[in-house]
Amino acid sequence: MASLDDEIRLDEEENRRELAFIRTQLPSDVKKFYSDKDILYMMDLIVDYYVSSGILDSNDDEVEINLETVAEHVCKRAKEEGFCSTFNPDEVFFIVQADLDFQEQNL
């Protein structure tokens, strides 16, 4: 059984790989507006959306995910939590899409 330190290290490595993947997928005009810290924060909010919406509890083979709704959730939560009030859902959409692509490739 892995120790807590090992699990944390593995999670951090996974986050770095996902962040790098997302960065390669973003259009250059979107990429320049978001720091690594912003994207990592959004990755957490995306997972939060999947958990709170019940998507992860589905027993269906395929689940329909509305990326625009996820992007809007990320922007709304970032504003509510005082992290950032200027995230643009049209731009965050690309981050949500890249996040989902990463998850699908790493199942």
PDB file of N, CA and C in Angstrom:
ATOM      1  N   MET A   1       0.848  -1.181   0.000  1.00  0.00           N
ATOM      2  CA  MET A   1       0.000   0.000   0.000  1.00  0.00           C
ATOM      3  C   MET A   1       0.891   1.241   0.000  1.00  0.00           C
ATOM      4  N   ALA A   2       0.567   2.189  -0.848  1.00  0.00           N
ATOM      5  CA  ALA A   2       1.359   3.412  -0.966  1.00  0.00           C
ATOM      6  C   ALA A   2       1.125   4.312   0.243  1.00  0.00           C
ATOM      7  N   SER A   3       2.166   4.992   0.638  1.00  0.00           N
ATOM      8  CA  SER A   3       2.043   5.924   1.753  1.00  0.00           C
ATOM      9  C   SER A   3       1.328   7.188   1.269  1.00  0.00           C
ATOM     10  N   LEU A   4       0.881   7.981   2.220  1.00  0.00           N
ATOM     11  CA  LEU A   4       0.219   9.236   1.881  1.00  0.00           C
ATOM     12  C   LEU A   4       1.149  10.120   1.067  1.00  0.00           C
ATOM     13  N   ASP A   5       2.424  10.166   1.428  1.00  0.00           N
ATOM     14  CA  ASP A   5       3.403  10.967   0.679  1.00  0.00           C
ATOM     15  C   ASP A   5       3.511  10.489  -0.762  1.00  0.00           C
ATOM     16  N   ASP A   6       3.505   9.165  -0.958  1.00  0.00           N
ATOM     17  CA  ASP A   6       3.571   8.606  -2.309  1.00  0.00           C
ATOM     18  C   ASP A   6       2.328   8.983  -3.118  1.00  0.00           C
ATOM     19  N   GLU A   7       1.170   8.897  -2.487  1.00  0.00           N
ATOM     20  CA  GLU A   7      -0.077   9.244  -3.165  1.00  0.00           C
ATOM     21  C   GLU A   7      -0.099  10.726  -3.543  1.00  0.00           C
ATOM     22  N   ILE A   8       0.360  11.579  -2.657  1.00  0.00           N
ATOM     23  CA  ILE A   8       0.413  13.016  -2.943  1.00  0.00           C
ATOM     24  C   ILE A   8       1.372  13.281  -4.099  1.00  0.00           C
ATOM     25  N   ARG A   9       2.525  12.630  -4.080  1.00  0.00           N
ATOM     26  CA  ARG A   9       3.511  12.807  -5.146  1.00  0.00           C
ATOM     27  C   ARG A   9       2.952  12.351  -6.492  1.00  0.00           C
ATOM     28  N   LEU A  10       2.270  11.203  -6.499  1.00  0.00           N
ATOM     29  CA  LEU A  10       1.679  10.693  -7.734  1.00  0.00           C
ATOM     30  C   LEU A  10       0.584  11.627  -8.252  1.00  0.00           C
ATOM     31  N   ASP A  11      -0.217  12.179  -7.336  1.00  0.00           N
ATOM     32  CA  ASP A  11      -1.269  13.117  -7.722  1.00  0.00           C
ATOM     33  C   ASP A  11      -0.661  14.384  -8.325  1.00  0.00           C
ATOM     34  N   GLU A  12       0.404  14.876  -7.727  1.00  0.00           N
ATOM     35  CA  GLU A  12       1.083  16.066  -8.248  1.00  0.00           C
ATOM     36  C   GLU A  12       1.675  15.805  -9.626  1.00  0.00           C
ATOM     37  N   GLU A  13       2.248  14.627  -9.825  1.00  0.00           N
ATOM     38  CA  GLU A  13       2.795  14.258 -11.128  1.00  0.00           C
ATOM     39  C   GLU A  13       1.688  14.199 -12.178  1.00  0.00           C
ATOM     40  N   GLU A  14       0.574  13.610 -11.816  1.00  0.00           N
ATOM     41  CA  GLU A  14      -0.574  13.525 -12.726  1.00  0.00           C
ATOM     42  C   GLU A  14      -1.068  14.929 -13.077  1.00  0.00           C
ATOM     43  N   ASN A  15      -1.155  15.807 -12.091  1.00  0.00           N
ATOM     44  CA  ASN A  15      -1.580  17.184 -12.342  1.00  0.00           C
ATOM     45  C   ASN A  15      -0.611  17.899 -13.282  1.00  0.00           C
ATOM     46  N   ARG A  16       0.687  17.668 -13.114  1.00  0.00           N
ATOM     47  CA  ARG A  16       1.674  18.300 -14.003  1.00  0.00           C
ATOM     48  C   ARG A  16       1.532  17.789 -15.431  1.00  0.00           C
ATOM     49  N   ARG A  17       1.293  16.491 -15.587  1.00  0.00           N
ATOM     50  CA  ARG A  17       1.108  15.928 -16.925  1.00  0.00           C
ATOM     51  C   ARG A  17      -0.169  16.479 -17.568  1.00  0.00           C
ATOM     52  N   GLU A  18      -1.224  16.562 -16.770  1.00  0.00           N
ATOM     53  CA  GLU A  18      -2.485  17.092 -17.296  1.00  0.00           C
ATOM     54  C   GLU A  18      -2.343  18.566 -17.658  1.00  0.00           C
ATOM     55  N   LEU A  19      -1.695  19.328 -16.807  1.00  0.00           N
ATOM     56  CA  LEU A  19      -1.472  20.743 -17.085  1.00  0.00           C
ATOM     57  C   LEU A  19      -0.688  20.919 -18.388  1.00  0.00           C
ATOM     58  N   ALA A  20       0.367  20.144 -18.567  1.00  0.00           N
ATOM     59  CA  ALA A  20       1.165  20.225 -19.794  1.00  0.00           C
ATOM     60  C   ALA A  20       0.314  19.868 -21.007  1.00  0.00           C
ATOM     61  N   PHE A  21      -0.517  18.838 -20.880  1.00  0.00           N
ATOM     62  CA  PHE A  21      -1.395  18.446 -21.983  1.00  0.00           C
ATOM     63  C   PHE A  21      -2.355  19.575 -22.321  1.00  0.00           C
ATOM     64  N   ILE A  22      -2.996  20.144 -21.309  1.00  0.00           N
ATOM     65  CA  ILE A  22      -3.952  21.235 -21.537  1.00  0.00           C
ATOM     66  C   ILE A  22      -3.256  22.388 -22.236  1.00  0.00           C
ATOM     67  N   ARG A  23      -2.083  22.754 -21.777  1.00  0.00           N
ATOM     68  CA  ARG A  23      -1.333  23.854 -22.396  1.00  0.00           C
ATOM     69  C   ARG A  23      -1.095  23.603 -23.894  1.00  0.00           C
ATOM     70  N   THR A  24      -0.800  22.350 -24.274  1.00  0.00           N
ATOM     71  CA  THR A  24      -0.549  22.054 -25.690  1.00  0.00           C
ATOM     72  C   THR A  24      -1.829  22.127 -26.517  1.00  0.00           C
ATOM     73  N   GLN A  25      -2.974  21.960 -25.882  1.00  0.00           N
ATOM     74  CA  GLN A  25      -4.242  21.946 -26.603  1.00  0.00           C
ATOM     75  C   GLN A  25      -4.876  23.325 -26.767  1.00  0.00           C
ATOM     76  N   LEU A  26      -4.473  24.276 -25.948  1.00  0.00           N
ATOM     77  CA  LEU A  26      -5.122  25.586 -25.967  1.00  0.00           C
ATOM     78  C   LEU A  26      -4.692  26.423 -27.169  1.00  0.00           C
ATOM     79  N   PRO A  27      -5.645  27.142 -27.757  1.00  0.00           N
ATOM     80  CA  PRO A  27      -5.271  28.110 -28.794  1.00  0.00           C
ATOM     81  C   PRO A  27      -4.343  29.159 -28.191  1.00  0.00           C
ATOM     82  N   SER A  28      -3.403  29.642 -28.967  1.00  0.00           N
ATOM     83  CA  SER A  28      -2.405  30.581 -28.428  1.00  0.00           C
ATOM     84  C   SER A  28      -3.042  31.850 -27.883  1.00  0.00           C
ATOM     85  N   ASP A  29      -4.137  32.297 -28.475  1.00  0.00           N
ATOM     86  CA  ASP A  29      -4.774  33.516 -27.975  1.00  0.00           C
ATOM     87  C   ASP A  29      -5.463  33.285 -26.633  1.00  0.00           C
ATOM     88  N   VAL A  30      -5.755  32.049 -26.269  1.00  0.00           N
ATOM     89  CA  VAL A  30      -6.332  31.726 -24.965  1.00  0.00           C
ATOM     90  C   VAL A  30      -5.219  31.416 -23.970  1.00  0.00           C
ATOM     91  N   LYS A  31      -4.222  30.688 -24.428  1.00  0.00           N
ATOM     92  CA  LYS A  31      -3.120  30.229 -23.567  1.00  0.00           C
ATOM     93  C   LYS A  31      -2.453  31.376 -22.812  1.00  0.00           C
ATOM     94  N   LYS A  32      -2.296  32.515 -23.474  1.00  0.00           N
ATOM     95  CA  LYS A  32      -1.552  33.624 -22.871  1.00  0.00           C
ATOM     96  C   LYS A  32      -2.286  34.297 -21.709  1.00  0.00           C
ATOM     97  N   PHE A  33      -3.588  34.051 -21.588  1.00  0.00           N
ATOM     98  CA  PHE A  33      -4.359  34.714 -20.537  1.00  0.00           C
ATOM     99  C   PHE A  33      -4.436  33.935 -19.228  1.00  0.00           C
ATOM    100  N   TYR A  34      -3.999  32.672 -19.240  1.00  0.00           N
ATOM    101  CA  TYR A  34      -4.187  31.841 -18.060  1.00  0.00           C
ATOM    102  C   TYR A  34      -2.861  31.269 -17.575  1.00  0.00           C
ATOM    103  N   SER A  35      -2.574  31.519 -16.308  1.00  0.00           N
ATOM    104  CA  SER A  35      -1.350  31.004 -15.690  1.00  0.00           C
ATOM    105  C   SER A  35      -1.537  29.532 -15.336  1.00  0.00           C
ATOM    106  N   ASP A  36      -0.435  28.879 -15.008  1.00  0.00           N
ATOM    107  CA  ASP A  36      -0.523  27.490 -14.547  1.00  0.00           C
ATOM    108  C   ASP A  36      -1.401  27.408 -13.299  1.00  0.00           C
ATOM    109  N   LYS A  37      -1.276  28.380 -12.416  1.00  0.00           N
ATOM    110  CA  LYS A  37      -2.086  28.406 -11.193  1.00  0.00           C
ATOM    111  C   LYS A  37      -3.572  28.486 -11.551  1.00  0.00           C
ATOM    112  N   ASP A  38      -3.912  29.319 -12.544  1.00  0.00           N
ATOM    113  CA  ASP A  38      -5.304  29.430 -12.981  1.00  0.00           C
ATOM    114  C   ASP A  38      -5.823  28.086 -13.493  1.00  0.00           C
ATOM    115  N   ILE A  39      -5.039  27.436 -14.322  1.00  0.00           N
ATOM    116  CA  ILE A  39      -5.473  26.172 -14.930  1.00  0.00           C
ATOM    117  C   ILE A  39      -5.593  25.074 -13.875  1.00  0.00           C
ATOM    118  N   LEU A  40      -4.641  25.005 -12.962  1.00  0.00           N
ATOM    119  CA  LEU A  40      -4.730  24.010 -11.887  1.00  0.00           C
ATOM    120  C   LEU A  40      -5.985  24.234 -11.036  1.00  0.00           C
ATOM    121  N   TYR A  41      -6.287  25.486 -10.768  1.00  0.00           N
ATOM    122  CA  TYR A  41      -7.496  25.825 -10.015  1.00  0.00           C
ATOM    123  C   TYR A  41      -8.731  25.376 -10.791  1.00  0.00           C
ATOM    124  N   MET A  42      -8.746  25.647 -12.093  1.00  0.00           N
ATOM    125  CA  MET A  42      -9.883  25.234 -12.924  1.00  0.00           C
ATOM    126  C   MET A  42     -10.022  23.718 -12.956  1.00  0.00           C
ATOM    127  N   MET A  43      -8.906  23.014 -12.999  1.00  0.00           N
ATOM    128  CA  MET A  43      -8.957  21.544 -12.987  1.00  0.00           C
ATOM    129  C   MET A  43      -9.683  21.050 -11.741  1.00  0.00           C
ATOM    130  N   ASP A  44      -9.424  21.678 -10.606  1.00  0.00           N
ATOM    131  CA  ASP A  44     -10.112  21.302  -9.361  1.00  0.00           C
ATOM    132  C   ASP A  44     -11.609  21.601  -9.445  1.00  0.00           C
ATOM    133  N   LEU A  45     -11.957  22.748 -10.034  1.00  0.00           N
ATOM    134  CA  LEU A  45     -13.364  23.109 -10.153  1.00  0.00           C
ATOM    135  C   LEU A  45     -14.101  22.208 -11.147  1.00  0.00           C
ATOM    136  N   ILE A  46     -13.401  21.743 -12.160  1.00  0.00           N
ATOM    137  CA  ILE A  46     -14.006  20.812 -13.115  1.00  0.00           C
ATOM    138  C   ILE A  46     -14.360  19.509 -12.404  1.00  0.00           C
ATOM    139  N   VAL A  47     -13.434  18.999 -11.603  1.00  0.00           N
ATOM    140  CA  VAL A  47     -13.710  17.784 -10.826  1.00  0.00           C
ATOM    141  C   VAL A  47     -14.867  18.042  -9.863  1.00  0.00           C
ATOM    142  N   ASP A  48     -14.871  19.199  -9.241  1.00  0.00           N
ATOM    143  CA  ASP A  48     -15.958  19.568  -8.341  1.00  0.00           C
ATOM    144  C   ASP A  48     -17.302  19.511  -9.062  1.00  0.00           C
ATOM    145  N   TYR A  49     -17.343  20.012 -10.287  1.00  0.00           N
ATOM    146  CA  TYR A  49     -18.586  19.974 -11.056  1.00  0.00           C
ATOM    147  C   TYR A  49     -19.015  18.531 -11.308  1.00  0.00           C
ATOM    148  N   TYR A  50     -18.089  17.702 -11.732  1.00  0.00           N
ATOM    149  CA  TYR A  50     -18.424  16.301 -12.023  1.00  0.00           C
ATOM    150  C   TYR A  50     -18.956  15.588 -10.778  1.00  0.00           C
ATOM    151  N   VAL A  51     -18.366  15.866  -9.629  1.00  0.00           N
ATOM    152  CA  VAL A  51     -18.813  15.244  -8.378  1.00  0.00           C
ATOM    153  C   VAL A  51     -20.185  15.779  -7.977  1.00  0.00           C
ATOM    154  N   SER A  52     -20.345  17.096  -7.966  1.00  0.00           N
ATOM    155  CA  SER A  52     -21.593  17.697  -7.485  1.00  0.00           C
ATOM    156  C   SER A  52     -22.764  17.467  -8.432  1.00  0.00           C
ATOM    157  N   SER A  53     -22.492  17.279  -9.720  1.00  0.00           N
ATOM    158  CA  SER A  53     -23.574  17.073 -10.684  1.00  0.00           C
ATOM    159  C   SER A  53     -24.043  15.624 -10.743  1.00  0.00           C
ATOM    160  N   GLY A  54     -23.266  14.715 -10.149  1.00  0.00           N
ATOM    161  CA  GLY A  54     -23.626  13.304 -10.167  1.00  0.00           C
ATOM    162  C   GLY A  54     -23.124  12.551 -11.385  1.00  0.00           C
ATOM    163  N   ILE A  55     -22.405  13.209 -12.256  1.00  0.00           N
ATOM    164  CA  ILE A  55     -21.887  12.567 -13.467  1.00  0.00           C
ATOM    165  C   ILE A  55     -21.036  11.355 -13.116  1.00  0.00           C
ATOM    166  N   LEU A  56     -20.234  11.462 -12.078  1.00  0.00           N
ATOM    167  CA  LEU A  56     -19.345  10.364 -11.712  1.00  0.00           C
ATOM    168  C   LEU A  56     -20.099   9.178 -11.121  1.00  0.00           C
ATOM    169  N   ASP A  57     -21.335   9.397 -10.702  1.00  0.00           N
ATOM    170  CA  ASP A  57     -22.137   8.326 -10.117  1.00  0.00           C
ATOM    171  C   ASP A  57     -22.940   7.555 -11.159  1.00  0.00           C
ATOM    172  N   SER A  58     -22.912   8.011 -12.394  1.00  0.00           N
ATOM    173  CA  SER A  58     -23.707   7.386 -13.445  1.00  0.00           C
ATOM    174  C   SER A  58     -23.204   5.980 -13.755  1.00  0.00           C
ATOM    175  N   ASN A  59     -24.133   5.085 -13.999  1.00  0.00           N
ATOM    176  CA  ASN A  59     -23.802   3.715 -14.392  1.00  0.00           C
ATOM    177  C   ASN A  59     -23.865   3.528 -15.903  1.00  0.00           C
ATOM    178  N   ASP A  60     -24.202   4.586 -16.623  1.00  0.00           N
ATOM    179  CA  ASP A  60     -24.299   4.516 -18.079  1.00  0.00           C
ATOM    180  C   ASP A  60     -22.914   4.345 -18.696  1.00  0.00           C
ATOM    181  N   ASP A  61     -22.878   3.639 -19.823  1.00  0.00           N
ATOM    182  CA  ASP A  61     -21.609   3.461 -20.530  1.00  0.00           C
ATOM    183  C   ASP A  61     -21.075   4.782 -21.057  1.00  0.00           C
ATOM    184  N   GLU A  62     -21.983   5.638 -21.513  1.00  0.00           N
ATOM    185  CA  GLU A  62     -21.590   6.956 -21.995  1.00  0.00           C
ATOM    186  C   GLU A  62     -22.434   8.011 -21.292  1.00  0.00           C
ATOM    187  N   VAL A  63     -21.773   9.092 -20.914  1.00  0.00           N
ATOM    188  CA  VAL A  63     -22.441  10.186 -20.229  1.00  0.00           C
ATOM    189  C   VAL A  63     -22.270  11.435 -21.070  1.00  0.00           C
ATOM    190  N   GLU A  64     -23.339  12.147 -21.256  1.00  0.00           N
ATOM    191  CA  GLU A  64     -23.298  13.398 -22.020  1.00  0.00           C
ATOM    192  C   GLU A  64     -22.842  14.523 -21.085  1.00  0.00           C
ATOM    193  N   ILE A  65     -21.752  15.183 -21.449  1.00  0.00           N
ATOM    194  CA  ILE A  65     -21.232  16.288 -20.647  1.00  0.00           C
ATOM    195  C   ILE A  65     -21.326  17.559 -21.481  1.00  0.00           C
ATOM    196  N   ASN A  66     -22.055  18.524 -20.966  1.00  0.00           N
ATOM    197  CA  ASN A  66     -22.180  19.805 -21.643  1.00  0.00           C
ATOM    198  C   ASN A  66     -20.999  20.675 -21.220  1.00  0.00           C
ATOM    199  N   LEU A  67     -20.025  20.808 -22.099  1.00  0.00           N
ATOM    200  CA  LEU A  67     -18.791  21.531 -21.770  1.00  0.00           C
ATOM    201  C   LEU A  67     -19.050  23.002 -21.483  1.00  0.00           C
ATOM    202  N   GLU A  68     -20.043  23.581 -22.132  1.00  0.00           N
ATOM    203  CA  GLU A  68     -20.379  24.985 -21.869  1.00  0.00           C
ATOM    204  C   GLU A  68     -20.880  25.156 -20.435  1.00  0.00           C
ATOM    205  N   THR A  69     -21.685  24.210 -19.978  1.00  0.00           N
ATOM    206  CA  THR A  69     -22.194  24.261 -18.606  1.00  0.00           C
ATOM    207  C   THR A  69     -21.050  24.124 -17.606  1.00  0.00           C
ATOM    208  N   VAL A  70     -20.110  23.238 -17.893  1.00  0.00           N
ATOM    209  CA  VAL A  70     -18.952  23.068 -17.007  1.00  0.00           C
ATOM    210  C   VAL A  70     -18.133  24.354 -16.977  1.00  0.00           C
ATOM    211  N   ALA A  71     -17.902  24.955 -18.138  1.00  0.00           N
ATOM    212  CA  ALA A  71     -17.127  26.205 -18.206  1.00  0.00           C
ATOM    213  C   ALA A  71     -17.821  27.312 -17.413  1.00  0.00           C
ATOM    214  N   GLU A  72     -19.132  27.401 -17.536  1.00  0.00           N
ATOM    215  CA  GLU A  72     -19.886  28.414 -16.780  1.00  0.00           C
ATOM    216  C   GLU A  72     -19.776  28.161 -15.275  1.00  0.00           C
ATOM    217  N   HIS A  73     -19.826  26.888 -14.876  1.00  0.00           N
ATOM    218  CA  HIS A  73     -19.670  26.526 -13.462  1.00  0.00           C
ATOM    219  C   HIS A  73     -18.308  26.972 -12.946  1.00  0.00           C
ATOM    220  N   VAL A  74     -17.266  26.709 -13.720  1.00  0.00           N
ATOM    221  CA  VAL A  74     -15.908  27.084 -13.316  1.00  0.00           C
ATOM    222  C   VAL A  74     -15.823  28.600 -13.112  1.00  0.00           C
ATOM    223  N   CYS A  75     -16.343  29.360 -14.064  1.00  0.00           N
ATOM    224  CA  CYS A  75     -16.282  30.825 -13.959  1.00  0.00           C
ATOM    225  C   CYS A  75     -17.085  31.340 -12.772  1.00  0.00           C
ATOM    226  N   LYS A  76     -18.257  30.771 -12.578  1.00  0.00           N
ATOM    227  CA  LYS A  76     -19.118  31.192 -11.460  1.00  0.00           C
ATOM    228  C   LYS A  76     -18.447  30.906 -10.123  1.00  0.00           C
ATOM    229  N   ARG A  77     -17.919  29.695  -9.951  1.00  0.00           N
ATOM    230  CA  ARG A  77     -17.268  29.324  -8.693  1.00  0.00           C
ATOM    231  C   ARG A  77     -16.016  30.165  -8.447  1.00  0.00           C
ATOM    232  N   ALA A  78     -15.234  30.424  -9.487  1.00  0.00           N
ATOM    233  CA  ALA A  78     -14.025  31.230  -9.326  1.00  0.00           C
ATOM    234  C   ALA A  78     -14.391  32.622  -8.829  1.00  0.00           C
ATOM    235  N   LYS A  79     -15.474  33.151  -9.341  1.00  0.00           N
ATOM    236  CA  LYS A  79     -15.930  34.470  -8.905  1.00  0.00           C
ATOM    237  C   LYS A  79     -16.453  34.412  -7.471  1.00  0.00           C
ATOM    238  N   GLU A  80     -17.273  33.398  -7.160  1.00  0.00           N
ATOM    239  CA  GLU A  80     -17.832  33.253  -5.804  1.00  0.00           C
ATOM    240  C   GLU A  80     -16.744  33.076  -4.758  1.00  0.00           C
ATOM    241  N   GLU A  81     -15.696  32.345  -5.105  1.00  0.00           N
ATOM    242  CA  GLU A  81     -14.621  32.064  -4.155  1.00  0.00           C
ATOM    243  C   GLU A  81     -13.577  33.179  -4.109  1.00  0.00           C
ATOM    244  N   GLY A  82     -13.759  34.208  -4.926  1.00  0.00           N
ATOM    245  CA  GLY A  82     -12.835  35.334  -4.926  1.00  0.00           C
ATOM    246  C   GLY A  82     -11.502  35.035  -5.585  1.00  0.00           C
ATOM    247  N   PHE A  83     -11.449  33.952  -6.360  1.00  0.00           N
ATOM    248  CA  PHE A  83     -10.199  33.603  -7.038  1.00  0.00           C
ATOM    249  C   PHE A  83      -9.984  34.511  -8.240  1.00  0.00           C
ATOM    250  N   CYS A  84     -11.028  34.668  -9.056  1.00  0.00           N
ATOM    251  CA  CYS A  84     -10.927  35.498 -10.253  1.00  0.00           C
ATOM    252  C   CYS A  84     -12.332  35.814 -10.747  1.00  0.00           C
ATOM    253  N   SER A  85     -12.561  37.063 -11.067  1.00  0.00           N
ATOM    254  CA  SER A  85     -13.880  37.449 -11.575  1.00  0.00           C
ATOM    255  C   SER A  85     -13.859  37.691 -13.079  1.00  0.00           C
ATOM    256  N   THR A  86     -12.711  37.437 -13.717  1.00  0.00           N
ATOM    257  CA  THR A  86     -12.603  37.758 -15.137  1.00  0.00           C
ATOM    258  C   THR A  86     -12.448  36.540 -16.042  1.00  0.00           C
ATOM    259  N   PHE A  87     -12.601  35.327 -15.495  1.00  0.00           N
ATOM    260  CA  PHE A  87     -12.550  34.153 -16.362  1.00  0.00           C
ATOM    261  C   PHE A  87     -13.681  34.259 -17.383  1.00  0.00           C
ATOM    262  N   ASN A  88     -13.364  33.991 -18.626  1.00  0.00           N
ATOM    263  CA  ASN A  88     -14.323  34.076 -19.715  1.00  0.00           C
ATOM    264  C   ASN A  88     -14.791  32.652 -20.064  1.00  0.00           C
ATOM    265  N   PRO A  89     -16.102  32.381 -19.945  1.00  0.00           N
ATOM    266  CA  PRO A  89     -16.592  31.024 -20.237  1.00  0.00           C
ATOM    267  C   PRO A  89     -16.235  30.535 -21.645  1.00  0.00           C
ATOM    268  N   ASP A  90     -16.179  31.444 -22.613  1.00  0.00           N
ATOM    269  CA  ASP A  90     -15.828  31.047 -23.979  1.00  0.00           C
ATOM    270  C   ASP A  90     -14.384  30.562 -24.067  1.00  0.00           C
ATOM    271  N   GLU A  91     -13.511  31.124 -23.253  1.00  0.00           N
ATOM    272  CA  GLU A  91     -12.114  30.691 -23.220  1.00  0.00           C
ATOM    273  C   GLU A  91     -11.931  29.474 -22.312  1.00  0.00           C
ATOM    274  N   VAL A  92     -12.598  29.488 -21.172  1.00  0.00           N
ATOM    275  CA  VAL A  92     -12.514  28.372 -20.226  1.00  0.00           C
ATOM    276  C   VAL A  92     -13.035  27.089 -20.871  1.00  0.00           C
ATOM    277  N   PHE A  93     -13.953  27.224 -21.815  1.00  0.00           N
ATOM    278  CA  PHE A  93     -14.468  26.073 -22.563  1.00  0.00           C
ATOM    279  C   PHE A  93     -13.321  25.226 -23.125  1.00  0.00           C
ATOM    280  N   PHE A  94     -12.286  25.876 -23.667  1.00  0.00           N
ATOM    281  CA  PHE A  94     -11.154  25.161 -24.246  1.00  0.00           C
ATOM    282  C   PHE A  94     -10.382  24.378 -23.185  1.00  0.00           C
ATOM    283  N   ILE A  95     -10.300  24.931 -21.987  1.00  0.00           N
ATOM    284  CA  ILE A  95      -9.617  24.253 -20.886  1.00  0.00           C
ATOM    285  C   ILE A  95     -10.437  23.041 -20.446  1.00  0.00           C
ATOM    286  N   VAL A  96     -11.746  23.218 -20.347  1.00  0.00           N
ATOM    287  CA  VAL A  96     -12.638  22.113 -19.981  1.00  0.00           C
ATOM    288  C   VAL A  96     -12.552  20.999 -21.025  1.00  0.00           C
ATOM    289  N   GLN A  97     -12.550  21.387 -22.288  1.00  0.00           N
ATOM    290  CA  GLN A  97     -12.469  20.403 -23.370  1.00  0.00           C
ATOM    291  C   GLN A  97     -11.145  19.642 -23.318  1.00  0.00           C
ATOM    292  N   ALA A  98     -10.052  20.354 -23.109  1.00  0.00           N
ATOM    293  CA  ALA A  98      -8.741  19.703 -23.030  1.00  0.00           C
ATOM    294  C   ALA A  98      -8.655  18.801 -21.802  1.00  0.00           C
ATOM    295  N   ASP A  99      -9.248  19.232 -20.695  1.00  0.00           N
ATOM    296  CA  ASP A  99      -9.278  18.410 -19.485  1.00  0.00           C
ATOM    297  C   ASP A  99     -10.007  17.092 -19.766  1.00  0.00           C
ATOM    298  N   LEU A 100     -11.157  17.174 -20.406  1.00  0.00           N
ATOM    299  CA  LEU A 100     -11.915  15.962 -20.726  1.00  0.00           C
ATOM    300  C   LEU A 100     -11.141  15.070 -21.692  1.00  0.00           C
ATOM    301  N   ASP A 101     -10.481  15.658 -22.687  1.00  0.00           N
ATOM    302  CA  ASP A 101      -9.675  14.882 -23.624  1.00  0.00           C
ATOM    303  C   ASP A 101      -8.562  14.134 -22.886  1.00  0.00           C
ATOM    304  N   PHE A 102      -7.920  14.809 -21.944  1.00  0.00           N
ATOM    305  CA  PHE A 102      -6.874  14.176 -21.150  1.00  0.00           C
ATOM    306  C   PHE A 102      -7.438  12.995 -20.359  1.00  0.00           C
ATOM    307  N   GLN A 103      -8.579  13.220 -19.716  1.00  0.00           N
ATOM    308  CA  GLN A 103      -9.186  12.152 -18.913  1.00  0.00           C
ATOM    309  C   GLN A 103      -9.552  10.946 -19.780  1.00  0.00           C
ATOM    310  N   GLU A 104     -10.105  11.203 -20.963  1.00  0.00           N
ATOM    311  CA  GLU A 104     -10.494  10.108 -21.855  1.00  0.00           C
ATOM    312  C   GLU A 104      -9.272   9.333 -22.353  1.00  0.00           C
ATOM    313  N   GLN A 105      -8.172  10.014 -22.582  1.00  0.00           N
ATOM    314  CA  GLN A 105      -6.957   9.355 -23.058  1.00  0.00           C
ATOM    315  C   GLN A 105      -6.276   8.551 -21.953  1.00  0.00           C
ATOM    316  N   ASN A 106      -6.574   8.865 -20.710  1.00  0.00           N
ATOM    317  CA  ASN A 106      -5.880   8.224 -19.586  1.00  0.00           C
ATOM    318  C   ASN A 106      -6.793   7.347 -18.747  1.00  0.00           C
ATOM    319  N   LEU A 107      -7.835   6.830 -19.350  1.00  0.00           N
ATOM    320  CA  LEU A 107      -8.734   5.924 -18.620  1.00  0.00           C
ATOM    321  C   LEU A 107      -8.086   4.595 -18.383  1.00  0.00           C
TER     322      LEU A 107
END
